[in-house]
Amino acid sequence: MIFFFYGEDTYRSHQKVKQIRDKFREEVDTSGFNTLILEGSDLNLEKFNTAVTQAGFLSDKRLIIIKNLFHNKALASIKDDIIAYLNKQKDNAEENFLLFWQDNKPDKRSGLYKKLVSYKYVQEFEPLNNSKLSNWALTEFNRQGAKITKPALTLLIASTGNNLWQLSTEITKLAAYKHGQAIIEQDIELMTHGKLDENIFKLTDAIANQNRAQALKLINGQLAAGVNEQYLLTMILRQYRILLQLKSLINNHTTNNELAKQAGLHPFVVQKALPLLSKYSATQLKTIYHTLTELDLNLKISPINNETLLDLFIVKN
């Protein structure tokens, strides 16, 4: 039986491979001696032939997992032999389980790729975005007996992006922290400090200093890393909302902890935001926040490319 799992979402493909391994161990190989994992990047024909022809131990079938065969620099010299072997297989449960697992999307022009995608058990794992990402996260929270508010979920995903390895870790951490209580925005601020958070502070600072080149670099860097435009804008809006709120509350006699309590924010968030306050007047903050709310609407309805809209915001501010 032939399997082919590929795509950039390595977390979900890893979970799928684990599911296959666990099922094989439970139903076929209770001894656990008949699962073989080969690194495809340095696989040669001798290793491949040995793996697929070797008899099982206390089992008539083996599970052979070949990782990242398409990263093999010598693939051109062995792919025809691998295809020839595959052509001889009946692709049923009476044969060995042969699983090809790739952490990216191979070249569609490759003869081996065309052969592998012709099988029944093929799945591409593309990175999740927008509603699919939110739904995946909600399913994970439910699986762990946890609840999260919509604003908190938006904030969490804005922090992790579609890195499911990080998102899964944060979900487990938050679920354990709240013990069944609803997770709110303050919990995300307390427990999660992702790379996006730090870059939003840097972006706000660059805008305050009118360093448009740096601001554009930061925005485009986040977009290139897979952060959705809407999530990115949500985080920028939140940052300016916090600055506006703190600007209206701060005075010479207010401590950071008192300010955090009045604003309903975690002290860490206040501590990071305070250095930016001196760089903006209240009028500037209100103007930028108003511009951002208009941009938020345009991102939802405008025919203009979302990335272009974000760039225009930076250029104008």
C-alpha atoms as a PDB file:
ATOM      1  CA  MET A   1       0.000   0.000   0.000  1.00  0.00           C
ATOM      2  CA  ILE A   2       1.407   3.365  -1.059  1.00  0.00           C
ATOM      3  CA  PHE A   3       0.981   6.665   0.811  1.00  0.00           C
ATOM      4  CA  PHE A   4       2.182  10.116  -0.224  1.00  0.00           C
ATOM      5  CA  PHE A   5       1.955  13.055   2.178  1.00  0.00           C
ATOM      6  CA  TYR A   6       3.539  16.368   1.272  1.00  0.00           C
ATOM      7  CA  GLY A   7       3.323  20.116   1.828  1.00  0.00           C
ATOM      8  CA  GLU A   8       4.694  22.955   3.930  1.00  0.00           C
ATOM      9  CA  ASP A   9       2.404  22.363   6.908  1.00  0.00           C
ATOM     10  CA  THR A  10       4.733  19.896   8.582  1.00  0.00           C
ATOM     11  CA  TYR A  11       2.739  19.818  11.824  1.00  0.00           C
ATOM     12  CA  ARG A  12      -0.381  18.316  10.254  1.00  0.00           C
ATOM     13  CA  SER A  13       1.608  15.982   8.014  1.00  0.00           C
ATOM     14  CA  HIS A  14       3.568  14.833  11.074  1.00  0.00           C
ATOM     15  CA  GLN A  15       0.287  14.126  12.887  1.00  0.00           C
ATOM     16  CA  LYS A  16      -0.977  12.167   9.885  1.00  0.00           C
ATOM     17  CA  VAL A  17       2.177  10.064   9.718  1.00  0.00           C
ATOM     18  CA  LYS A  18       1.934   9.416  13.457  1.00  0.00           C
ATOM     19  CA  GLN A  19      -1.656   8.288  12.986  1.00  0.00           C
ATOM     20  CA  ILE A  20      -0.555   5.789  10.319  1.00  0.00           C
ATOM     21  CA  ARG A  21       2.314   4.534  12.509  1.00  0.00           C
ATOM     22  CA  ASP A  22       0.085   4.082  15.546  1.00  0.00           C
ATOM     23  CA  LYS A  23      -2.573   2.237  13.554  1.00  0.00           C
ATOM     24  CA  PHE A  24       0.045  -0.025  11.949  1.00  0.00           C
ATOM     25  CA  ARG A  25       1.528  -0.805  15.366  1.00  0.00           C
ATOM     26  CA  GLU A  26      -1.890  -1.562  16.829  1.00  0.00           C
ATOM     27  CA  GLU A  27      -3.310  -3.659  13.990  1.00  0.00           C
ATOM     28  CA  VAL A  28      -0.299  -5.212  12.252  1.00  0.00           C
ATOM     29  CA  ASP A  29       2.969  -4.906  14.156  1.00  0.00           C
ATOM     30  CA  THR A  30       2.356  -5.349  17.880  1.00  0.00           C
ATOM     31  CA  SER A  31       6.049  -6.162  18.367  1.00  0.00           C
ATOM     32  CA  GLY A  32       7.072  -2.718  17.089  1.00  0.00           C
ATOM     33  CA  PHE A  33      10.019  -4.127  15.133  1.00  0.00           C
ATOM     34  CA  ASN A  34       8.675  -3.593  11.633  1.00  0.00           C
ATOM     35  CA  THR A  35       8.629   0.160  11.170  1.00  0.00           C
ATOM     36  CA  LEU A  36      11.584   1.595   9.281  1.00  0.00           C
ATOM     37  CA  ILE A  37      12.245   5.307   8.751  1.00  0.00           C
ATOM     38  CA  LEU A  38      14.679   6.282   5.995  1.00  0.00           C
ATOM     39  CA  GLU A  39      16.119   9.733   5.345  1.00  0.00           C
ATOM     40  CA  GLY A  40      15.347  10.239   1.680  1.00  0.00           C
ATOM     41  CA  SER A  41      17.852  13.051   1.182  1.00  0.00           C
ATOM     42  CA  ASP A  42      20.737  10.556   1.238  1.00  0.00           C
ATOM     43  CA  LEU A  43      18.893   7.434   0.090  1.00  0.00           C
ATOM     44  CA  ASN A  44      20.593   5.315  -2.554  1.00  0.00           C
ATOM     45  CA  LEU A  45      19.195   2.471  -4.615  1.00  0.00           C
ATOM     46  CA  GLU A  46      20.851  -0.203  -2.474  1.00  0.00           C
ATOM     47  CA  LYS A  47      19.242   1.123   0.725  1.00  0.00           C
ATOM     48  CA  PHE A  48      15.875   1.398  -1.003  1.00  0.00           C
ATOM     49  CA  ASN A  49      15.965  -2.135  -2.398  1.00  0.00           C
ATOM     50  CA  THR A  50      17.052  -3.574   0.947  1.00  0.00           C
ATOM     51  CA  ALA A  51      14.237  -1.765   2.739  1.00  0.00           C
ATOM     52  CA  VAL A  52      11.446  -2.859   0.398  1.00  0.00           C
ATOM     53  CA  THR A  53      12.580  -6.489   0.009  1.00  0.00           C
ATOM     54  CA  GLN A  54      13.550  -7.346   3.596  1.00  0.00           C
ATOM     55  CA  ALA A  55      11.091  -9.670   5.336  1.00  0.00           C
ATOM     56  CA  GLY A  56       9.226  -8.569   8.423  1.00  0.00           C
ATOM     57  CA  PHE A  57       9.993  -9.854  11.930  1.00  0.00           C
ATOM     58  CA  LEU A  58       7.029 -11.748  13.406  1.00  0.00           C
ATOM     59  CA  SER A  59       4.882  -9.964  10.847  1.00  0.00           C
ATOM     60  CA  ASP A  60       4.208 -10.415   7.143  1.00  0.00           C
ATOM     61  CA  LYS A  61       4.234  -6.666   6.507  1.00  0.00           C
ATOM     62  CA  ARG A  62       6.475  -3.695   7.237  1.00  0.00           C
ATOM     63  CA  LEU A  63       5.883   0.052   7.372  1.00  0.00           C
ATOM     64  CA  ILE A  64       8.612   1.893   5.477  1.00  0.00           C
ATOM     65  CA  ILE A  65       8.636   5.678   5.789  1.00  0.00           C
ATOM     66  CA  ILE A  66      10.853   7.641   3.396  1.00  0.00           C
ATOM     67  CA  LYS A  67      11.305  11.282   4.422  1.00  0.00           C
ATOM     68  CA  ASN A  68      12.126  14.047   1.949  1.00  0.00           C
ATOM     69  CA  LEU A  69      13.138  11.912  -1.001  1.00  0.00           C
ATOM     70  CA  PHE A  70      12.729  14.940  -3.274  1.00  0.00           C
ATOM     71  CA  HIS A  71      15.585  16.667  -1.405  1.00  0.00           C
ATOM     72  CA  ASN A  72      17.949  13.973  -2.675  1.00  0.00           C
ATOM     73  CA  LYS A  73      20.535  15.524  -5.008  1.00  0.00           C
ATOM     74  CA  ALA A  74      20.999  12.151  -6.709  1.00  0.00           C
ATOM     75  CA  LEU A  75      17.276  11.571  -7.233  1.00  0.00           C
ATOM     76  CA  ALA A  76      17.586  11.768 -11.006  1.00  0.00           C
ATOM     77  CA  SER A  77      19.798   8.675 -10.974  1.00  0.00           C
ATOM     78  CA  ILE A  78      17.439   6.499  -8.895  1.00  0.00           C
ATOM     79  CA  LYS A  79      13.915   7.753  -9.598  1.00  0.00           C
ATOM     80  CA  ASP A  80      13.368   5.505 -12.621  1.00  0.00           C
ATOM     81  CA  ASP A  81      14.206   2.415 -10.560  1.00  0.00           C
ATOM     82  CA  ILE A  82      11.856   3.544  -7.785  1.00  0.00           C
ATOM     83  CA  ILE A  83       9.078   4.144 -10.323  1.00  0.00           C
ATOM     84  CA  ALA A  84       9.736   0.698 -11.808  1.00  0.00           C
ATOM     85  CA  TYR A  85       9.355  -0.848  -8.344  1.00  0.00           C
ATOM     86  CA  LEU A  86       6.118   1.077  -7.741  1.00  0.00           C
ATOM     87  CA  ASN A  87       4.718  -0.099 -11.079  1.00  0.00           C
ATOM     88  CA  LYS A  88       5.010  -3.692  -9.853  1.00  0.00           C
ATOM     89  CA  GLN A  89       3.016  -3.057  -6.681  1.00  0.00           C
ATOM     90  CA  LYS A  90      -0.692  -3.832  -6.396  1.00  0.00           C
ATOM     91  CA  ASP A  91      -1.224  -1.003  -3.881  1.00  0.00           C
ATOM     92  CA  ASN A  92      -3.323  -3.032  -1.462  1.00  0.00           C
ATOM     93  CA  ALA A  93      -3.237  -3.955   2.223  1.00  0.00           C
ATOM     94  CA  GLU A  94      -1.544  -7.301   1.535  1.00  0.00           C
ATOM     95  CA  GLU A  95       1.748  -5.579   0.697  1.00  0.00           C
ATOM     96  CA  ASN A  96       4.204  -3.555   2.755  1.00  0.00           C
ATOM     97  CA  PHE A  97       3.080  -0.067   3.702  1.00  0.00           C
ATOM     98  CA  LEU A  98       5.343   2.356   1.829  1.00  0.00           C
ATOM     99  CA  LEU A  99       4.918   5.973   2.932  1.00  0.00           C
ATOM    100  CA  PHE A 100       6.619   8.874   1.157  1.00  0.00           C
ATOM    101  CA  TRP A 101       6.665  11.979   3.370  1.00  0.00           C
ATOM    102  CA  GLN A 102       7.842  15.322   1.976  1.00  0.00           C
ATOM    103  CA  ASP A 103       8.108  18.634   3.882  1.00  0.00           C
ATOM    104  CA  ASN A 104       7.452  20.811   0.821  1.00  0.00           C
ATOM    105  CA  LYS A 105       5.675  20.684  -2.526  1.00  0.00           C
ATOM    106  CA  PRO A 106       7.829  18.818  -5.051  1.00  0.00           C
ATOM    107  CA  ASP A 107       8.240  19.836  -8.659  1.00  0.00           C
ATOM    108  CA  LYS A 108       5.023  18.792 -10.415  1.00  0.00           C
ATOM    109  CA  ARG A 109       6.993  18.049 -13.567  1.00  0.00           C
ATOM    110  CA  SER A 110       8.862  15.215 -11.859  1.00  0.00           C
ATOM    111  CA  GLY A 111       7.945  11.752 -13.099  1.00  0.00           C
ATOM    112  CA  LEU A 112       8.151  10.404  -9.549  1.00  0.00           C
ATOM    113  CA  TYR A 113       5.786  13.112  -8.289  1.00  0.00           C
ATOM    114  CA  LYS A 114       3.293  12.310 -11.052  1.00  0.00           C
ATOM    115  CA  LYS A 115       3.485   8.640 -10.129  1.00  0.00           C
ATOM    116  CA  LEU A 116       3.000   9.207  -6.396  1.00  0.00           C
ATOM    117  CA  VAL A 117       0.017  11.571  -6.746  1.00  0.00           C
ATOM    118  CA  SER A 118      -1.765   8.923  -8.818  1.00  0.00           C
ATOM    119  CA  TYR A 119      -2.292   6.727  -5.759  1.00  0.00           C
ATOM    120  CA  LYS A 120      -5.371   6.610  -3.564  1.00  0.00           C
ATOM    121  CA  TYR A 121      -3.797   7.714  -0.285  1.00  0.00           C
ATOM    122  CA  VAL A 122      -2.358  11.106  -1.193  1.00  0.00           C
ATOM    123  CA  GLN A 123      -2.729  14.323   0.765  1.00  0.00           C
ATOM    124  CA  GLU A 124      -1.199  17.765   0.397  1.00  0.00           C
ATOM    125  CA  PHE A 125      -0.812  19.761   3.615  1.00  0.00           C
ATOM    126  CA  GLU A 126      -0.964  23.430   2.700  1.00  0.00           C
ATOM    127  CA  PRO A 127      -0.519  26.097   5.407  1.00  0.00           C
ATOM    128  CA  LEU A 128      -3.833  27.056   6.991  1.00  0.00           C
ATOM    129  CA  ASN A 129      -5.007  30.655   6.828  1.00  0.00           C
ATOM    130  CA  ASN A 130      -7.973  32.787   7.868  1.00  0.00           C
ATOM    131  CA  SER A 131     -11.075  30.820   8.897  1.00  0.00           C
ATOM    132  CA  LYS A 132      -9.411  27.427   8.406  1.00  0.00           C
ATOM    133  CA  LEU A 133      -6.678  28.387  10.853  1.00  0.00           C
ATOM    134  CA  SER A 134      -9.205  29.678  13.391  1.00  0.00           C
ATOM    135  CA  ASN A 135     -11.321  26.538  13.054  1.00  0.00           C
ATOM    136  CA  TRP A 136      -8.270  24.334  13.529  1.00  0.00           C
ATOM    137  CA  ALA A 137      -7.322  26.221  16.689  1.00  0.00           C
ATOM    138  CA  LEU A 138     -10.878  26.026  18.060  1.00  0.00           C
ATOM    139  CA  THR A 139     -10.922  22.282  17.451  1.00  0.00           C
ATOM    140  CA  GLU A 140      -7.660  21.943  19.376  1.00  0.00           C
ATOM    141  CA  PHE A 141      -8.996  24.015  22.267  1.00  0.00           C
ATOM    142  CA  ASN A 142     -12.161  21.881  22.367  1.00  0.00           C
ATOM    143  CA  ARG A 143     -10.107  18.691  22.258  1.00  0.00           C
ATOM    144  CA  GLN A 144      -8.241  19.870  25.345  1.00  0.00           C
ATOM    145  CA  GLY A 145     -11.431  20.916  27.131  1.00  0.00           C
ATOM    146  CA  ALA A 146     -10.657  24.628  26.846  1.00  0.00           C
ATOM    147  CA  LYS A 147     -12.695  27.661  25.758  1.00  0.00           C
ATOM    148  CA  ILE A 148     -11.434  30.890  24.218  1.00  0.00           C
ATOM    149  CA  THR A 149     -13.118  34.177  23.331  1.00  0.00           C
ATOM    150  CA  LYS A 150     -13.072  35.367  19.724  1.00  0.00           C
ATOM    151  CA  PRO A 151     -10.858  38.438  20.450  1.00  0.00           C
ATOM    152  CA  ALA A 152      -8.397  36.232  22.344  1.00  0.00           C
ATOM    153  CA  LEU A 153      -8.278  33.731  19.487  1.00  0.00           C
ATOM    154  CA  THR A 154      -7.597  36.531  16.995  1.00  0.00           C
ATOM    155  CA  LEU A 155      -4.803  37.831  19.202  1.00  0.00           C
ATOM    156  CA  LEU A 156      -3.274  34.379  19.653  1.00  0.00           C
ATOM    157  CA  ILE A 157      -3.242  33.630  15.935  1.00  0.00           C
ATOM    158  CA  ALA A 158      -1.835  37.067  15.180  1.00  0.00           C
ATOM    159  CA  SER A 159       1.040  36.206  17.504  1.00  0.00           C
ATOM    160  CA  THR A 160       1.823  32.736  16.153  1.00  0.00           C
ATOM    161  CA  GLY A 161       0.719  33.046  12.532  1.00  0.00           C
ATOM    162  CA  ASN A 162       0.096  29.709  10.826  1.00  0.00           C
ATOM    163  CA  ASN A 163       3.008  28.005  12.545  1.00  0.00           C
ATOM    164  CA  LEU A 164       0.988  25.110  13.952  1.00  0.00           C
ATOM    165  CA  TRP A 165       3.943  23.808  15.948  1.00  0.00           C
ATOM    166  CA  GLN A 166       3.997  27.046  17.950  1.00  0.00           C
ATOM    167  CA  LEU A 167       0.214  27.447  17.977  1.00  0.00           C
ATOM    168  CA  SER A 168      -0.258  23.915  19.295  1.00  0.00           C
ATOM    169  CA  THR A 169       2.249  24.563  22.081  1.00  0.00           C
ATOM    170  CA  GLU A 170       0.517  27.803  23.056  1.00  0.00           C
ATOM    171  CA  ILE A 171      -2.907  26.128  23.060  1.00  0.00           C
ATOM    172  CA  THR A 172      -1.680  23.392  25.399  1.00  0.00           C
ATOM    173  CA  LYS A 173      -0.074  25.976  27.673  1.00  0.00           C
ATOM    174  CA  LEU A 174      -3.189  28.177  27.789  1.00  0.00           C
ATOM    175  CA  ALA A 175      -5.537  25.225  28.341  1.00  0.00           C
ATOM    176  CA  ALA A 176      -3.470  24.046  31.304  1.00  0.00           C
ATOM    177  CA  TYR A 177      -3.298  27.571  32.725  1.00  0.00           C
ATOM    178  CA  LYS A 178      -7.055  28.272  32.659  1.00  0.00           C
ATOM    179  CA  HIS A 179      -8.372  24.849  33.807  1.00  0.00           C
ATOM    180  CA  GLY A 180     -11.603  25.066  31.795  1.00  0.00           C
ATOM    181  CA  GLN A 181     -12.231  28.793  32.270  1.00  0.00           C
ATOM    182  CA  ALA A 182     -12.616  30.920  29.147  1.00  0.00           C
ATOM    183  CA  ILE A 183      -9.311  32.225  27.802  1.00  0.00           C
ATOM    184  CA  ILE A 184      -9.394  36.004  27.279  1.00  0.00           C
ATOM    185  CA  GLU A 185      -7.089  38.593  25.699  1.00  0.00           C
ATOM    186  CA  GLN A 186      -5.226  39.266  28.953  1.00  0.00           C
ATOM    187  CA  ASP A 187      -4.299  35.578  29.153  1.00  0.00           C
ATOM    188  CA  ILE A 188      -2.732  35.762  25.699  1.00  0.00           C
ATOM    189  CA  GLU A 189      -0.768  38.857  26.724  1.00  0.00           C
ATOM    190  CA  LEU A 190       0.433  37.109  29.873  1.00  0.00           C
ATOM    191  CA  MET A 191       1.291  33.702  28.432  1.00  0.00           C
ATOM    192  CA  THR A 192       2.209  34.365  24.806  1.00  0.00           C
ATOM    193  CA  HIS A 193       4.916  36.708  23.562  1.00  0.00           C
ATOM    194  CA  GLY A 194       5.441  35.748  19.938  1.00  0.00           C
ATOM    195  CA  LYS A 195       7.766  37.231  17.354  1.00  0.00           C
ATOM    196  CA  LEU A 196       4.885  39.215  15.876  1.00  0.00           C
ATOM    197  CA  ASP A 197       4.346  41.050  19.178  1.00  0.00           C
ATOM    198  CA  GLU A 198       7.945  42.255  19.181  1.00  0.00           C
ATOM    199  CA  ASN A 199       7.782  43.299  15.542  1.00  0.00           C
ATOM    200  CA  ILE A 200       4.582  45.286  16.153  1.00  0.00           C
ATOM    201  CA  PHE A 201       6.434  47.313  18.805  1.00  0.00           C
ATOM    202  CA  LYS A 202       9.281  47.861  16.344  1.00  0.00           C
ATOM    203  CA  LEU A 203       6.813  48.835  13.612  1.00  0.00           C
ATOM    204  CA  THR A 204       5.056  51.363  15.853  1.00  0.00           C
ATOM    205  CA  ASP A 205       8.417  52.817  16.809  1.00  0.00           C
ATOM    206  CA  ALA A 206       9.463  53.077  13.146  1.00  0.00           C
ATOM    207  CA  ILE A 207       6.227  54.916  12.280  1.00  0.00           C
ATOM    208  CA  ALA A 208       6.754  57.303  15.211  1.00  0.00           C
ATOM    209  CA  ASN A 209      10.273  58.053  13.954  1.00  0.00           C
ATOM    210  CA  GLN A 210       8.959  58.382  10.365  1.00  0.00           C
ATOM    211  CA  ASN A 211      11.343  55.608   9.338  1.00  0.00           C
ATOM    212  CA  ARG A 212       9.154  54.405   6.488  1.00  0.00           C
ATOM    213  CA  ALA A 213      11.813  52.120   5.000  1.00  0.00           C
ATOM    214  CA  GLN A 214      12.106  50.187   8.261  1.00  0.00           C
ATOM    215  CA  ALA A 215       8.323  50.097   8.704  1.00  0.00           C
ATOM    216  CA  LEU A 216       7.821  48.698   5.194  1.00  0.00           C
ATOM    217  CA  LYS A 217      10.570  46.151   5.793  1.00  0.00           C
ATOM    218  CA  LEU A 218       8.887  44.954   8.995  1.00  0.00           C
ATOM    219  CA  ILE A 219       5.442  44.670   7.398  1.00  0.00           C
ATOM    220  CA  ASN A 220       6.695  42.893   4.293  1.00  0.00           C
ATOM    221  CA  GLY A 221       8.807  40.580   6.446  1.00  0.00           C
ATOM    222  CA  GLN A 222       5.728  39.478   8.384  1.00  0.00           C
ATOM    223  CA  LEU A 223       3.728  38.955   5.196  1.00  0.00           C
ATOM    224  CA  ALA A 224       6.567  36.910   3.705  1.00  0.00           C
ATOM    225  CA  ALA A 225       6.571  34.781   6.870  1.00  0.00           C
ATOM    226  CA  GLY A 226       2.937  33.876   6.210  1.00  0.00           C
ATOM    227  CA  VAL A 227       1.161  36.281   8.569  1.00  0.00           C
ATOM    228  CA  ASN A 228      -2.256  37.141   7.141  1.00  0.00           C
ATOM    229  CA  GLU A 229      -2.845  40.833   6.293  1.00  0.00           C
ATOM    230  CA  GLN A 230      -6.016  40.987   8.389  1.00  0.00           C
ATOM    231  CA  TYR A 231      -4.322  39.492  11.440  1.00  0.00           C
ATOM    232  CA  LEU A 232      -1.388  41.844  11.000  1.00  0.00           C
ATOM    233  CA  LEU A 233      -3.711  44.844  10.861  1.00  0.00           C
ATOM    234  CA  THR A 234      -5.576  43.548  13.919  1.00  0.00           C
ATOM    235  CA  MET A 235      -2.335  43.590  15.884  1.00  0.00           C
ATOM    236  CA  ILE A 236      -1.381  47.085  14.667  1.00  0.00           C
ATOM    237  CA  LEU A 237      -4.854  48.396  15.535  1.00  0.00           C
ATOM    238  CA  ARG A 238      -4.626  46.832  18.973  1.00  0.00           C
ATOM    239  CA  GLN A 239      -1.243  48.449  19.597  1.00  0.00           C
ATOM    240  CA  TYR A 240      -2.515  51.928  18.750  1.00  0.00           C
ATOM    241  CA  ARG A 241      -5.677  51.355  20.772  1.00  0.00           C
ATOM    242  CA  ILE A 242      -3.466  50.526  23.768  1.00  0.00           C
ATOM    243  CA  LEU A 243      -1.347  53.643  23.186  1.00  0.00           C
ATOM    244  CA  LEU A 244      -4.458  55.827  22.989  1.00  0.00           C
ATOM    245  CA  GLN A 245      -5.814  54.284  26.163  1.00  0.00           C
ATOM    246  CA  LEU A 246      -2.563  54.760  28.068  1.00  0.00           C
ATOM    247  CA  LYS A 247      -2.168  58.325  26.776  1.00  0.00           C
ATOM    248  CA  SER A 248      -5.532  59.229  28.299  1.00  0.00           C
ATOM    249  CA  LEU A 249      -4.688  57.617  31.655  1.00  0.00           C
ATOM    250  CA  ILE A 250      -1.063  58.458  32.260  1.00  0.00           C
ATOM    251  CA  ASN A 251       0.146  61.223  34.548  1.00  0.00           C
ATOM    252  CA  ASN A 252       3.360  61.924  36.414  1.00  0.00           C
ATOM    253  CA  HIS A 253       2.176  60.120  39.530  1.00  0.00           C
ATOM    254  CA  THR A 254       0.908  56.891  37.948  1.00  0.00           C
ATOM    255  CA  THR A 255       3.023  53.762  38.429  1.00  0.00           C
ATOM    256  CA  ASN A 256       3.232  51.084  35.747  1.00  0.00           C
ATOM    257  CA  ASN A 257       1.231  48.621  37.851  1.00  0.00           C
ATOM    258  CA  GLU A 258      -1.477  51.204  38.570  1.00  0.00           C
ATOM    259  CA  LEU A 259      -1.633  52.078  34.889  1.00  0.00           C
ATOM    260  CA  ALA A 260      -1.904  48.416  33.928  1.00  0.00           C
ATOM    261  CA  LYS A 261      -4.718  47.896  36.429  1.00  0.00           C
ATOM    262  CA  GLN A 262      -6.667  50.936  35.210  1.00  0.00           C
ATOM    263  CA  ALA A 263      -6.253  49.926  31.571  1.00  0.00           C
ATOM    264  CA  GLY A 264      -6.998  46.248  32.196  1.00  0.00           C
ATOM    265  CA  LEU A 265      -3.675  45.265  30.627  1.00  0.00           C
ATOM    266  CA  HIS A 266      -0.822  43.061  31.711  1.00  0.00           C
ATOM    267  CA  PRO A 267       2.107  45.066  33.189  1.00  0.00           C
ATOM    268  CA  PHE A 268       4.405  43.609  30.517  1.00  0.00           C
ATOM    269  CA  VAL A 269       2.286  45.209  27.780  1.00  0.00           C
ATOM    270  CA  VAL A 270       2.313  48.568  29.564  1.00  0.00           C
ATOM    271  CA  GLN A 271       6.064  48.391  30.123  1.00  0.00           C
ATOM    272  CA  LYS A 272       6.679  47.782  26.407  1.00  0.00           C
ATOM    273  CA  ALA A 273       4.271  50.525  25.304  1.00  0.00           C
ATOM    274  CA  LEU A 274       5.378  53.359  27.592  1.00  0.00           C
ATOM    275  CA  PRO A 275       8.579  54.311  25.687  1.00  0.00           C
ATOM    276  CA  LEU A 276       6.432  54.881  22.592  1.00  0.00           C
ATOM    277  CA  LEU A 277       4.026  57.291  24.276  1.00  0.00           C
ATOM    278  CA  SER A 278       6.514  60.170  24.350  1.00  0.00           C
ATOM    279  CA  LYS A 279       6.910  59.899  20.575  1.00  0.00           C
ATOM    280  CA  TYR A 280       3.229  60.534  19.836  1.00  0.00           C
ATOM    281  CA  SER A 281       0.832  63.313  20.717  1.00  0.00           C
ATOM    282  CA  ALA A 282      -2.751  62.391  21.559  1.00  0.00           C
ATOM    283  CA  THR A 283      -3.847  63.987  18.273  1.00  0.00           C
ATOM    284  CA  GLN A 284      -1.384  61.891  16.262  1.00  0.00           C
ATOM    285  CA  LEU A 285      -2.577  58.702  17.941  1.00  0.00           C
ATOM    286  CA  LYS A 286      -6.223  59.525  17.241  1.00  0.00           C
ATOM    287  CA  THR A 287      -5.456  60.319  13.592  1.00  0.00           C
ATOM    288  CA  ILE A 288      -3.503  57.109  13.048  1.00  0.00           C
ATOM    289  CA  TYR A 289      -6.123  55.015  14.844  1.00  0.00           C
ATOM    290  CA  HIS A 290      -8.873  56.531  12.679  1.00  0.00           C
ATOM    291  CA  THR A 291      -6.816  55.779   9.552  1.00  0.00           C
ATOM    292  CA  LEU A 292      -6.331  52.191  10.708  1.00  0.00           C
ATOM    293  CA  THR A 293     -10.057  51.639  11.287  1.00  0.00           C
ATOM    294  CA  GLU A 294     -10.719  52.863   7.738  1.00  0.00           C
ATOM    295  CA  LEU A 295      -7.980  50.547   6.471  1.00  0.00           C
ATOM    296  CA  ASP A 296      -9.593  47.657   8.339  1.00  0.00           C
ATOM    297  CA  LEU A 297     -12.817  48.295   6.434  1.00  0.00           C
ATOM    298  CA  ASN A 298     -10.980  48.650   3.103  1.00  0.00           C
ATOM    299  CA  LEU A 299      -9.197  45.346   3.625  1.00  0.00           C
ATOM    300  CA  LYS A 300     -12.608  43.698   3.741  1.00  0.00           C
ATOM    301  CA  ILE A 301     -14.253  45.451   0.770  1.00  0.00           C
ATOM    302  CA  SER A 302     -11.637  47.116  -1.456  1.00  0.00           C
ATOM    303  CA  PRO A 303     -10.575  45.507  -4.763  1.00  0.00           C
ATOM    304  CA  ILE A 304      -7.054  46.835  -4.127  1.00  0.00           C
ATOM    305  CA  ASN A 305      -4.473  44.240  -3.076  1.00  0.00           C
ATOM    306  CA  ASN A 306      -4.349  44.032   0.740  1.00  0.00           C
ATOM    307  CA  GLU A 307      -0.555  44.214   0.840  1.00  0.00           C
ATOM    308  CA  THR A 308      -0.700  47.410  -1.233  1.00  0.00           C
ATOM    309  CA  LEU A 309      -3.178  48.947   1.223  1.00  0.00           C
ATOM    310  CA  LEU A 310      -0.834  48.232   4.134  1.00  0.00           C
ATOM    311  CA  ASP A 311       2.094  49.733   2.245  1.00  0.00           C
ATOM    312  CA  LEU A 312       0.051  52.866   1.472  1.00  0.00           C
ATOM    313  CA  PHE A 313      -0.725  53.252   5.170  1.00  0.00           C
ATOM    314  CA  ILE A 314       2.999  53.246   5.981  1.00  0.00           C
ATOM    315  CA  VAL A 315       3.861  55.707   3.217  1.00  0.00           C
ATOM    316  CA  LYS A 316       1.176  58.169   4.373  1.00  0.00           C
ATOM    317  CA  ASN A 317       2.118  58.062   8.065  1.00  0.00           C
END
